[in-house]
Each structure stands twice: as C-alpha cells, then as structure tokens.
Amino acid sequence: MNKIQHYQKYHFWYETTFIIFIFALNATVIATSKIMEASRHGSEIVETWKPFLEEISSAILLIILVPLLNKFIKMSPLNWQSITKTFFIYLAASVVFSFIHISGMFGIRAFVYWIQSIPYSIGNIGFEFLYEYRKDFMSFILIIAGIKSYHFILSQLQGEACLIADGEDNFKPQSCERLLVKKLGKEFIIKIEDVEWLESSGNYVNLHIKGRIYPTRATLGRLLDEISDKGFCRIHRSLGVNLDVIDSITPLASGDSEIKLHDGKVLNLSRRYKDQLKNKLY
C-alpha cells in the first residue's frame, strides 16, 4: 500500500487530526500572544486561563463548523455562471456560520464561568455580533479557500475518472467499457470490469479499484444505470458492487446482510436491494 492509498483509507483521521492541530495551534498562539502583549505593556494577566478559554472556545466551534461547511460546498458548489445568486447564497451562509460560531463560543465561555460561580456578561449583543462577524467573514472565506484547495490537490494526486464511450463521439451508456483517469496532468485507461465497488460521496462517486480510489463526478444511481449490464448492482443507498468480486453473503438479524469481497472488504447489503441483487446473481 503506497502513501496515497494509505491516506485514502484513513483520510477521515488524517483530516480530523490536521483540522484539530491547526485550530489548536492557532488558539494557543493567539492566547499566549495576548498574555505576552499585556506583559509587554506592564499589565500582568493574573487569570491566564481566560485568554485560553476565549480562543479555545472559538477553536472548538470552528472545528465543528469545518465539516458542515464542507457539506455546504458540496450541496451548493460555486457557480460562476450564476455569480450573483451564488454570492448571496454564500453571504447568507456566512451569517449562519457566524451566528453558530458566536452563539457556541459564548455559550462555552458562559458555562465555564458558571461552574466557577463567576459572573459572565456578553455586553452589547448587537455590537458583539458585528464585531465578531467581521472576523468570521474572513474565516468563512479562508476555510472555503482551504477546502477547495485541498480538494483540488487531492484530486490531482489520486486522479479523477470519467466514463468514455467505445469509439463513439456521442456518449452512449451501453458502449462504455473503460474509464479515463486524469492524474497529475497524465491520462490513462482503466477497464470498467476492474472496478470492485462504488461509494457515493456528495457530488462524486468513489470507484474502488485494487486498493485505489478514483472519484468520478456523477450520482451513484445514474452511474450504476450506465454500467449495470457490466455486472454491477446497487446494494445500499450509497453503495454498489461488482458481482464478480463477491466472495460470500451473510444474513444479519436486522434483515440486512453483509457482503464479503475477495479482498476481505465487507459491505452492507440493505434489505431494500436484496431482491435486486438476487435477480442479478441468479
């Protein structure tokens, strides 16, 4: 397993660790900077936990908001053909983003003060919201830029696949035998039959091929309709499988089943798609 394959397999943990590390580091730097600035000007901060509470409470909410913002981008991708509409959608999203961030971090601070029996006052709510929104708007833009950059770099490293017609200028689903994969400026061909299983992921479908993952811009239903005659079947709301790589099927007490592939991978077979799979197999 190479580095890209390892990353693809454990990408959730890599991404989560990176996000927590970045925001924790940023919170620590800002909190210590506040303490050092106060010391520089001759006013020592006795309760050094307060700057850390302020920054850590903010960081916690931002860590929670990053995956939500990632989902928002997938649901409402940037559309340069309708830039005005996109602008107002994202502007409204920035207000919601800021509201959640402000409410959450003030809530955490108020709770910490409360358990210590210390009075806590937000002050002028309108002013505080405007003050924080200015910073949140920049954070909103930077996080979106970071997410888009990450997706672009990842797509270049792991490659992105699309169906190609077999010798036809116009796309015909029944003639699709191969995938065109673009990776790091290069293009290569993969046979449809080499795809082992498919997994829906937002606006993409991840194609699992010999331990590698290739995203293709499509919906799972539409893609499976196009390659169903090649031995593929839907087994779950978000999963499809190549029938040739199925090793065994084990019924579960819940009514669902587990499908074990030749490489040991286990996929969930929803009861909703059991009959469809049986018809394909027999």
C-alpha atoms as a PDB file:
ATOM      1  CA  MET A   1       0.000   0.000   0.000  1.00  0.00           C
ATOM      2  CA  ASN A   2       1.561   3.311  -1.111  1.00  0.00           C
ATOM      3  CA  LYS A   3       1.190   6.644   0.672  1.00  0.00           C
ATOM      4  CA  ILE A   4      -1.805   7.801  -1.409  1.00  0.00           C
ATOM      5  CA  GLN A   5      -3.649   4.523  -0.822  1.00  0.00           C
ATOM      6  CA  HIS A   6      -2.906   4.694   2.902  1.00  0.00           C
ATOM      7  CA  TYR A   7      -4.156   8.273   3.022  1.00  0.00           C
ATOM      8  CA  GLN A   8      -7.317   7.391   1.093  1.00  0.00           C
ATOM      9  CA  LYS A   9      -8.056   4.551   3.506  1.00  0.00           C
ATOM     10  CA  TYR A  10      -7.575   6.674   6.630  1.00  0.00           C
ATOM     11  CA  HIS A  11      -8.397  10.103   5.201  1.00  0.00           C
ATOM     12  CA  PHE A  12     -11.024  10.855   7.869  1.00  0.00           C
ATOM     13  CA  TRP A  13      -8.487  10.548  10.680  1.00  0.00           C
ATOM     14  CA  TYR A  14      -5.822  12.484   8.788  1.00  0.00           C
ATOM     15  CA  GLU A  15      -8.247  15.301   8.015  1.00  0.00           C
ATOM     16  CA  THR A  16      -9.654  15.397  11.553  1.00  0.00           C
ATOM     17  CA  THR A  17      -6.186  15.416  13.139  1.00  0.00           C
ATOM     18  CA  PHE A  18      -4.987  18.169  10.807  1.00  0.00           C
ATOM     19  CA  ILE A  19      -8.023  20.391  11.455  1.00  0.00           C
ATOM     20  CA  ILE A  20      -7.761  19.982  15.240  1.00  0.00           C
ATOM     21  CA  PHE A  21      -3.996  20.618  15.143  1.00  0.00           C
ATOM     22  CA  ILE A  22      -4.299  23.795  13.047  1.00  0.00           C
ATOM     23  CA  PHE A  23      -7.043  25.373  15.159  1.00  0.00           C
ATOM     24  CA  ALA A  24      -5.464  24.278  18.455  1.00  0.00           C
ATOM     25  CA  LEU A  25      -2.133  25.739  17.380  1.00  0.00           C
ATOM     26  CA  ASN A  26      -3.794  28.980  16.256  1.00  0.00           C
ATOM     27  CA  ALA A  27      -5.698  29.268  19.564  1.00  0.00           C
ATOM     28  CA  THR A  28      -2.539  28.668  21.587  1.00  0.00           C
ATOM     29  CA  VAL A  29      -0.523  31.245  19.634  1.00  0.00           C
ATOM     30  CA  ILE A  30      -3.215  33.944  19.948  1.00  0.00           C
ATOM     31  CA  ALA A  31      -3.832  33.255  23.653  1.00  0.00           C
ATOM     32  CA  THR A  32      -0.129  33.375  24.523  1.00  0.00           C
ATOM     33  CA  SER A  33       0.254  36.498  22.373  1.00  0.00           C
ATOM     34  CA  LYS A  34      -2.424  38.245  24.440  1.00  0.00           C
ATOM     35  CA  ILE A  35      -0.584  37.344  27.649  1.00  0.00           C
ATOM     36  CA  MET A  36       2.768  38.484  26.230  1.00  0.00           C
ATOM     37  CA  GLU A  37       1.289  41.735  24.911  1.00  0.00           C
ATOM     38  CA  ALA A  38      -0.176  42.504  28.332  1.00  0.00           C
ATOM     39  CA  SER A  39       3.186  41.801  29.963  1.00  0.00           C
ATOM     40  CA  ARG A  40       4.948  43.994  27.399  1.00  0.00           C
ATOM     41  CA  HIS A  41       2.761  46.925  28.367  1.00  0.00           C
ATOM     42  CA  GLY A  42       3.290  46.326  32.075  1.00  0.00           C
ATOM     43  CA  SER A  43      -0.160  44.924  32.857  1.00  0.00           C
ATOM     44  CA  GLU A  44       0.242  41.346  34.006  1.00  0.00           C
ATOM     45  CA  ILE A  45      -2.685  38.988  33.372  1.00  0.00           C
ATOM     46  CA  VAL A  46      -3.318  37.175  36.649  1.00  0.00           C
ATOM     47  CA  GLU A  47      -6.009  34.821  35.321  1.00  0.00           C
ATOM     48  CA  THR A  48      -4.121  33.415  32.366  1.00  0.00           C
ATOM     49  CA  TRP A  49      -6.839  30.825  31.726  1.00  0.00           C
ATOM     50  CA  LYS A  50      -9.206  33.486  30.376  1.00  0.00           C
ATOM     51  CA  PRO A  51      -7.340  34.158  27.079  1.00  0.00           C
ATOM     52  CA  PHE A  52      -7.089  30.407  26.557  1.00  0.00           C
ATOM     53  CA  LEU A  53     -10.810  29.972  27.234  1.00  0.00           C
ATOM     54  CA  GLU A  54     -11.631  32.707  24.721  1.00  0.00           C
ATOM     55  CA  GLU A  55      -9.509  31.187  21.952  1.00  0.00           C
ATOM     56  CA  ILE A  56     -10.180  27.505  22.652  1.00  0.00           C
ATOM     57  CA  SER A  57     -13.959  28.070  22.761  1.00  0.00           C
ATOM     58  CA  SER A  58     -13.690  29.751  19.358  1.00  0.00           C
ATOM     59  CA  ALA A  59     -11.489  26.955  18.008  1.00  0.00           C
ATOM     60  CA  ILE A  60     -13.903  24.232  19.164  1.00  0.00           C
ATOM     61  CA  LEU A  61     -16.767  25.803  17.211  1.00  0.00           C
ATOM     62  CA  LEU A  62     -14.625  26.302  14.112  1.00  0.00           C
ATOM     63  CA  ILE A  63     -13.545  22.646  14.227  1.00  0.00           C
ATOM     64  CA  ILE A  64     -17.216  21.659  14.322  1.00  0.00           C
ATOM     65  CA  LEU A  65     -18.102  24.078  11.515  1.00  0.00           C
ATOM     66  CA  VAL A  66     -15.423  22.947   9.036  1.00  0.00           C
ATOM     67  CA  PRO A  67     -17.121  19.628   8.083  1.00  0.00           C
ATOM     68  CA  LEU A  68     -20.510  21.381   7.979  1.00  0.00           C
ATOM     69  CA  LEU A  69     -19.054  23.986   5.641  1.00  0.00           C
ATOM     70  CA  ASN A  70     -17.585  21.209   3.515  1.00  0.00           C
ATOM     71  CA  LYS A  71     -21.069  19.675   3.164  1.00  0.00           C
ATOM     72  CA  PHE A  72     -22.490  23.087   2.291  1.00  0.00           C
ATOM     73  CA  ILE A  73     -19.943  23.497  -0.516  1.00  0.00           C
ATOM     74  CA  LYS A  74     -20.933  20.087  -1.921  1.00  0.00           C
ATOM     75  CA  MET A  75     -24.636  20.963  -1.762  1.00  0.00           C
ATOM     76  CA  SER A  76     -24.151  24.489  -3.153  1.00  0.00           C
ATOM     77  CA  PRO A  77     -20.995  24.452  -5.293  1.00  0.00           C
ATOM     78  CA  LEU A  78     -19.539  27.721  -6.530  1.00  0.00           C
ATOM     79  CA  ASN A  79     -21.317  28.556  -9.783  1.00  0.00           C
ATOM     80  CA  TRP A  80     -19.532  31.213 -11.814  1.00  0.00           C
ATOM     81  CA  GLN A  81     -22.333  31.223 -14.419  1.00  0.00           C
ATOM     82  CA  SER A  82     -24.746  32.455 -11.727  1.00  0.00           C
ATOM     83  CA  ILE A  83     -22.287  34.509  -9.724  1.00  0.00           C
ATOM     84  CA  THR A  84     -24.866  36.939  -8.297  1.00  0.00           C
ATOM     85  CA  LYS A  85     -27.072  34.149  -6.954  1.00  0.00           C
ATOM     86  CA  THR A  86     -24.017  32.292  -5.649  1.00  0.00           C
ATOM     87  CA  PHE A  87     -22.767  35.448  -3.912  1.00  0.00           C
ATOM     88  CA  PHE A  88     -25.999  35.945  -1.971  1.00  0.00           C
ATOM     89  CA  ILE A  89     -26.220  32.243  -1.077  1.00  0.00           C
ATOM     90  CA  TYR A  90     -22.704  32.304   0.333  1.00  0.00           C
ATOM     91  CA  LEU A  91     -23.270  35.653   2.029  1.00  0.00           C
ATOM     92  CA  ALA A  92     -26.310  34.217   3.813  1.00  0.00           C
ATOM     93  CA  ALA A  93     -24.274  31.129   4.691  1.00  0.00           C
ATOM     94  CA  SER A  94     -21.563  33.335   6.212  1.00  0.00           C
ATOM     95  CA  VAL A  95     -24.162  34.934   8.509  1.00  0.00           C
ATOM     96  CA  VAL A  96     -25.381  31.490   9.647  1.00  0.00           C
ATOM     97  CA  PHE A  97     -21.759  30.382  10.050  1.00  0.00           C
ATOM     98  CA  SER A  98     -21.008  33.409  12.215  1.00  0.00           C
ATOM     99  CA  PHE A  99     -24.197  33.051  14.274  1.00  0.00           C
ATOM    100  CA  ILE A 100     -23.371  29.413  15.138  1.00  0.00           C
ATOM    101  CA  HIS A 101     -19.770  30.314  15.907  1.00  0.00           C
ATOM    102  CA  ILE A 102     -20.640  33.282  18.133  1.00  0.00           C
ATOM    103  CA  SER A 103     -23.504  31.562  19.962  1.00  0.00           C
ATOM    104  CA  GLY A 104     -21.473  28.431  20.575  1.00  0.00           C
ATOM    105  CA  MET A 105     -18.296  30.074  21.825  1.00  0.00           C
ATOM    106  CA  PHE A 106     -20.197  32.483  24.100  1.00  0.00           C
ATOM    107  CA  GLY A 107     -22.169  29.512  25.396  1.00  0.00           C
ATOM    108  CA  ILE A 108     -18.979  27.599  26.251  1.00  0.00           C
ATOM    109  CA  ARG A 109     -17.497  30.652  27.979  1.00  0.00           C
ATOM    110  CA  ALA A 110     -20.681  31.303  29.959  1.00  0.00           C
ATOM    111  CA  PHE A 111     -20.756  27.654  31.072  1.00  0.00           C
ATOM    112  CA  VAL A 112     -17.132  27.705  32.280  1.00  0.00           C
ATOM    113  CA  TYR A 113     -17.768  30.934  34.184  1.00  0.00           C
ATOM    114  CA  TRP A 114     -20.966  29.479  35.628  1.00  0.00           C
ATOM    115  CA  ILE A 115     -19.315  26.335  37.033  1.00  0.00           C
ATOM    116  CA  GLN A 116     -16.787  28.622  38.737  1.00  0.00           C
ATOM    117  CA  SER A 117     -19.571  30.884  40.085  1.00  0.00           C
ATOM    118  CA  ILE A 118     -18.096  33.862  38.233  1.00  0.00           C
ATOM    119  CA  PRO A 119     -20.443  36.413  36.596  1.00  0.00           C
ATOM    120  CA  TYR A 120     -20.236  36.492  32.814  1.00  0.00           C
ATOM    121  CA  SER A 121     -21.558  39.268  30.602  1.00  0.00           C
ATOM    122  CA  ILE A 122     -21.544  39.368  26.810  1.00  0.00           C
ATOM    123  CA  GLY A 123     -22.170  43.112  26.697  1.00  0.00           C
ATOM    124  CA  ASN A 124     -23.997  44.743  23.807  1.00  0.00           C
ATOM    125  CA  ILE A 125     -25.181  41.767  21.741  1.00  0.00           C
ATOM    126  CA  GLY A 126     -25.614  43.743  18.515  1.00  0.00           C
ATOM    127  CA  PHE A 127     -22.157  45.282  18.756  1.00  0.00           C
ATOM    128  CA  GLU A 128     -20.532  41.976  19.688  1.00  0.00           C
ATOM    129  CA  PHE A 129     -22.175  40.192  16.759  1.00  0.00           C
ATOM    130  CA  LEU A 130     -20.994  42.860  14.302  1.00  0.00           C
ATOM    131  CA  TYR A 131     -17.520  42.828  15.842  1.00  0.00           C
ATOM    132  CA  GLU A 132     -17.237  39.046  15.620  1.00  0.00           C
ATOM    133  CA  TYR A 133     -18.909  38.803  12.198  1.00  0.00           C
ATOM    134  CA  ARG A 134     -16.127  40.867  10.605  1.00  0.00           C
ATOM    135  CA  LYS A 135     -13.620  38.249  11.731  1.00  0.00           C
ATOM    136  CA  ASP A 136     -15.936  35.331  10.999  1.00  0.00           C
ATOM    137  CA  PHE A 137     -16.487  36.525   7.451  1.00  0.00           C
ATOM    138  CA  MET A 138     -12.748  36.326   6.803  1.00  0.00           C
ATOM    139  CA  SER A 139     -12.589  32.920   8.496  1.00  0.00           C
ATOM    140  CA  PHE A 140     -15.507  31.778   6.324  1.00  0.00           C
ATOM    141  CA  ILE A 141     -13.670  32.802   3.146  1.00  0.00           C
ATOM    142  CA  LEU A 142     -10.334  31.314   4.241  1.00  0.00           C
ATOM    143  CA  ILE A 143     -11.899  27.988   5.254  1.00  0.00           C
ATOM    144  CA  ILE A 144     -13.720  27.720   1.909  1.00  0.00           C
ATOM    145  CA  ALA A 145     -10.479  28.558   0.070  1.00  0.00           C
ATOM    146  CA  GLY A 146      -8.679  25.915   2.128  1.00  0.00           C
ATOM    147  CA  ILE A 147     -11.322  23.266   1.425  1.00  0.00           C
ATOM    148  CA  LYS A 148     -11.349  23.991  -2.309  1.00  0.00           C
ATOM    149  CA  SER A 149      -7.540  23.937  -2.455  1.00  0.00           C
ATOM    150  CA  TYR A 150      -7.446  20.654  -0.546  1.00  0.00           C
ATOM    151  CA  HIS A 151      -9.991  19.063  -2.900  1.00  0.00           C
ATOM    152  CA  PHE A 152      -8.025  20.247  -5.941  1.00  0.00           C
ATOM    153  CA  ILE A 153      -4.683  18.944  -4.660  1.00  0.00           C
ATOM    154  CA  LEU A 154      -6.239  15.626  -3.607  1.00  0.00           C
ATOM    155  CA  SER A 155      -7.927  15.181  -6.989  1.00  0.00           C
ATOM    156  CA  GLN A 156      -4.585  15.764  -8.713  1.00  0.00           C
ATOM    157  CA  LEU A 157      -2.802  13.228  -6.517  1.00  0.00           C
ATOM    158  CA  GLN A 158      -5.405  10.443  -6.536  1.00  0.00           C
ATOM    159  CA  GLY A 159      -6.768  11.074 -10.012  1.00  0.00           C
ATOM    160  CA  GLU A 160     -10.295  11.677 -11.259  1.00  0.00           C
ATOM    161  CA  ALA A 161     -12.158   9.272 -13.510  1.00  0.00           C
ATOM    162  CA  CYS A 162     -14.868   9.633 -16.132  1.00  0.00           C
ATOM    163  CA  LEU A 163     -16.636   7.153 -18.390  1.00  0.00           C
ATOM    164  CA  ILE A 164     -15.625   7.135 -22.025  1.00  0.00           C
ATOM    165  CA  ALA A 165     -17.574   5.764 -24.959  1.00  0.00           C
ATOM    166  CA  ASP A 166     -16.213   2.920 -27.018  1.00  0.00           C
ATOM    167  CA  GLY A 167     -15.222   4.597 -30.263  1.00  0.00           C
ATOM    168  CA  GLU A 168     -18.187   6.977 -30.317  1.00  0.00           C
ATOM    169  CA  ASP A 169     -18.178  10.776 -30.396  1.00  0.00           C
ATOM    170  CA  ASN A 170     -21.512  10.950 -28.616  1.00  0.00           C
ATOM    171  CA  PHE A 171     -21.898   9.400 -25.199  1.00  0.00           C
ATOM    172  CA  LYS A 172     -23.788   6.101 -25.217  1.00  0.00           C
ATOM    173  CA  PRO A 173     -24.126   4.296 -21.887  1.00  0.00           C
ATOM    174  CA  GLN A 174     -24.283   0.854 -23.464  1.00  0.00           C
ATOM    175  CA  SER A 175     -20.894   1.316 -25.149  1.00  0.00           C
ATOM    176  CA  CYS A 176     -18.959   2.281 -22.004  1.00  0.00           C
ATOM    177  CA  GLU A 177     -16.221  -0.243 -21.369  1.00  0.00           C
ATOM    178  CA  ARG A 178     -13.461   1.923 -19.927  1.00  0.00           C
ATOM    179  CA  LEU A 179     -12.657   4.806 -17.607  1.00  0.00           C
ATOM    180  CA  LEU A 180     -10.413   7.724 -18.443  1.00  0.00           C
ATOM    181  CA  VAL A 181      -8.406   8.682 -15.356  1.00  0.00           C
ATOM    182  CA  LYS A 182      -6.680  12.069 -15.154  1.00  0.00           C
ATOM    183  CA  LYS A 183      -3.895  12.254 -12.611  1.00  0.00           C
ATOM    184  CA  LEU A 184      -1.089  14.807 -12.201  1.00  0.00           C
ATOM    185  CA  GLY A 185      -1.529  16.019 -15.764  1.00  0.00           C
ATOM    186  CA  LYS A 186      -1.458  12.500 -17.216  1.00  0.00           C
ATOM    187  CA  GLU A 187      -4.260  10.332 -18.581  1.00  0.00           C
ATOM    188  CA  PHE A 188      -4.613   6.563 -18.514  1.00  0.00           C
ATOM    189  CA  ILE A 189      -7.314   3.975 -19.140  1.00  0.00           C
ATOM    190  CA  ILE A 190      -8.926   1.564 -16.687  1.00  0.00           C
ATOM    191  CA  LYS A 191     -11.437  -1.125 -17.635  1.00  0.00           C
ATOM    192  CA  ILE A 192     -14.905  -0.880 -16.082  1.00  0.00           C
ATOM    193  CA  GLU A 193     -14.639  -4.533 -15.078  1.00  0.00           C
ATOM    194  CA  ASP A 194     -11.681  -3.649 -12.809  1.00  0.00           C
ATOM    195  CA  VAL A 195     -13.920  -1.557 -10.548  1.00  0.00           C
ATOM    196  CA  GLU A 196     -14.615  -3.605  -7.417  1.00  0.00           C
ATOM    197  CA  TRP A 197     -17.151  -1.432  -5.608  1.00  0.00           C
ATOM    198  CA  LEU A 198     -18.601   2.064  -5.680  1.00  0.00           C
ATOM    199  CA  GLU A 199     -19.337   4.508  -2.887  1.00  0.00           C
ATOM    200  CA  SER A 200     -21.423   7.684  -3.059  1.00  0.00           C
ATOM    201  CA  SER A 201     -19.650  10.779  -1.704  1.00  0.00           C
ATOM    202  CA  GLY A 202     -21.533  14.047  -2.200  1.00  0.00           C
ATOM    203  CA  ASN A 203     -21.410  15.085  -5.853  1.00  0.00           C
ATOM    204  CA  TYR A 204     -18.944  12.283  -6.581  1.00  0.00           C
ATOM    205  CA  VAL A 205     -18.867   8.509  -6.651  1.00  0.00           C
ATOM    206  CA  ASN A 206     -15.664   6.926  -5.395  1.00  0.00           C
ATOM    207  CA  LEU A 207     -14.575   3.992  -7.537  1.00  0.00           C
ATOM    208  CA  HIS A 208     -12.546   1.410  -5.612  1.00  0.00           C
ATOM    209  CA  ILE A 209     -10.053  -0.330  -7.871  1.00  0.00           C
ATOM    210  CA  LYS A 210      -7.341  -2.633  -6.477  1.00  0.00           C
ATOM    211  CA  GLY A 211      -6.902  -0.622  -3.303  1.00  0.00           C
ATOM    212  CA  ARG A 212      -7.023   2.742  -5.068  1.00  0.00           C
ATOM    213  CA  ILE A 213      -9.883   5.236  -5.027  1.00  0.00           C
ATOM    214  CA  TYR A 214     -10.853   7.288  -8.063  1.00  0.00           C
ATOM    215  CA  PRO A 215     -13.647   9.868  -7.727  1.00  0.00           C
ATOM    216  CA  THR A 216     -15.937  10.483 -10.680  1.00  0.00           C
ATOM    217  CA  ARG A 217     -18.422  13.345 -10.891  1.00  0.00           C
ATOM    218  CA  ALA A 218     -21.780  11.531 -11.022  1.00  0.00           C
ATOM    219  CA  THR A 219     -24.611  10.229  -8.881  1.00  0.00           C
ATOM    220  CA  LEU A 220     -24.477   6.602  -7.811  1.00  0.00           C
ATOM    221  CA  GLY A 221     -27.870   5.805  -9.348  1.00  0.00           C
ATOM    222  CA  ARG A 222     -27.028   7.274 -12.737  1.00  0.00           C
ATOM    223  CA  LEU A 223     -23.597   5.647 -12.861  1.00  0.00           C
ATOM    224  CA  LEU A 224     -24.929   2.213 -11.945  1.00  0.00           C
ATOM    225  CA  ASP A 225     -27.656   2.541 -14.600  1.00  0.00           C
ATOM    226  CA  GLU A 226     -24.904   3.122 -17.156  1.00  0.00           C
ATOM    227  CA  ILE A 227     -22.754   0.150 -16.138  1.00  0.00           C
ATOM    228  CA  SER A 228     -25.356  -2.280 -14.756  1.00  0.00           C
ATOM    229  CA  ASP A 229     -25.013  -4.501 -17.827  1.00  0.00           C
ATOM    230  CA  LYS A 230     -21.322  -4.927 -16.952  1.00  0.00           C
ATOM    231  CA  GLY A 231     -22.183  -6.894 -13.792  1.00  0.00           C
ATOM    232  CA  PHE A 232     -22.725  -4.112 -11.275  1.00  0.00           C
ATOM    233  CA  CYS A 233     -25.575  -3.847  -8.796  1.00  0.00           C
ATOM    234  CA  ARG A 234     -26.707  -1.397  -6.160  1.00  0.00           C
ATOM    235  CA  ILE A 235     -26.647  -2.905  -2.663  1.00  0.00           C
ATOM    236  CA  HIS A 236     -27.224   0.144  -0.464  1.00  0.00           C
ATOM    237  CA  ARG A 237     -28.350   3.759  -0.707  1.00  0.00           C
ATOM    238  CA  SER A 238     -24.685   4.734  -1.027  1.00  0.00           C
ATOM    239  CA  LEU A 239     -23.019   1.532  -2.286  1.00  0.00           C
ATOM    240  CA  GLY A 240     -22.710  -0.512  -5.438  1.00  0.00           C
ATOM    241  CA  VAL A 241     -20.673  -3.648  -6.129  1.00  0.00           C
ATOM    242  CA  ASN A 242     -19.135  -5.669  -8.959  1.00  0.00           C
ATOM    243  CA  LEU A 243     -20.809  -9.091  -8.731  1.00  0.00           C
ATOM    244  CA  ASP A 244     -17.605 -10.831  -9.849  1.00  0.00           C
ATOM    245  CA  VAL A 245     -15.735  -9.813  -6.685  1.00  0.00           C
ATOM    246  CA  ILE A 246     -18.335 -11.087  -4.188  1.00  0.00           C
ATOM    247  CA  ASP A 247     -16.986 -13.903  -2.026  1.00  0.00           C
ATOM    248  CA  SER A 248     -19.928 -14.511   0.331  1.00  0.00           C
ATOM    249  CA  ILE A 249     -23.174 -13.037   1.650  1.00  0.00           C
ATOM    250  CA  THR A 250     -24.078 -13.338   5.334  1.00  0.00           C
ATOM    251  CA  PRO A 251     -27.640 -12.532   6.544  1.00  0.00           C
ATOM    252  CA  LEU A 252     -27.951 -10.414   9.686  1.00  0.00           C
ATOM    253  CA  ALA A 253     -30.635 -10.448  12.379  1.00  0.00           C
ATOM    254  CA  SER A 254     -31.662  -6.927  11.371  1.00  0.00           C
ATOM    255  CA  GLY A 255     -32.794  -8.116   7.952  1.00  0.00           C
ATOM    256  CA  ASP A 256     -29.784  -6.637   6.195  1.00  0.00           C
ATOM    257  CA  SER A 257     -26.789  -8.691   5.083  1.00  0.00           C
ATOM    258  CA  GLU A 258     -23.016  -8.384   4.855  1.00  0.00           C
ATOM    259  CA  ILE A 259     -21.248  -8.882   1.556  1.00  0.00           C
ATOM    260  CA  LYS A 260     -17.642 -10.041   1.803  1.00  0.00           C
ATOM    261  CA  LEU A 261     -15.415  -9.369  -1.202  1.00  0.00           C
ATOM    262  CA  HIS A 262     -12.467 -11.476  -2.346  1.00  0.00           C
ATOM    263  CA  ASP A 263     -10.025  -8.999  -0.759  1.00  0.00           C
ATOM    264  CA  GLY A 264     -11.748  -9.272   2.635  1.00  0.00           C
ATOM    265  CA  LYS A 265     -13.634  -5.981   2.400  1.00  0.00           C
ATOM    266  CA  VAL A 266     -17.117  -6.155   3.960  1.00  0.00           C
ATOM    267  CA  LEU A 267     -20.000  -4.102   2.564  1.00  0.00           C
ATOM    268  CA  ASN A 268     -23.519  -3.658   3.877  1.00  0.00           C
ATOM    269  CA  LEU A 269     -26.380  -5.089   1.800  1.00  0.00           C
ATOM    270  CA  SER A 270     -29.598  -3.256   2.605  1.00  0.00           C
ATOM    271  CA  ARG A 271     -32.773  -5.356   2.688  1.00  0.00           C
ATOM    272  CA  ARG A 272     -34.207  -2.892   0.174  1.00  0.00           C
ATOM    273  CA  TYR A 273     -31.787  -4.107  -2.503  1.00  0.00           C
ATOM    274  CA  LYS A 274     -31.717  -7.836  -1.659  1.00  0.00           C
ATOM    275  CA  ASP A 275     -34.151  -8.916  -4.354  1.00  0.00           C
ATOM    276  CA  GLN A 276     -32.390  -6.821  -6.969  1.00  0.00           C
ATOM    277  CA  LEU A 277     -29.069  -8.488  -6.099  1.00  0.00           C
ATOM    278  CA  LYS A 278     -30.611 -11.990  -6.158  1.00  0.00           C
ATOM    279  CA  ASN A 279     -32.061 -11.342  -9.609  1.00  0.00           C
ATOM    280  CA  LYS A 280     -28.629 -10.283 -10.809  1.00  0.00           C
ATOM    281  CA  LEU A 281     -26.844 -13.272  -9.290  1.00  0.00           C
ATOM    282  CA  TYR A 282     -29.259 -15.978 -10.366  1.00  0.00           C
END
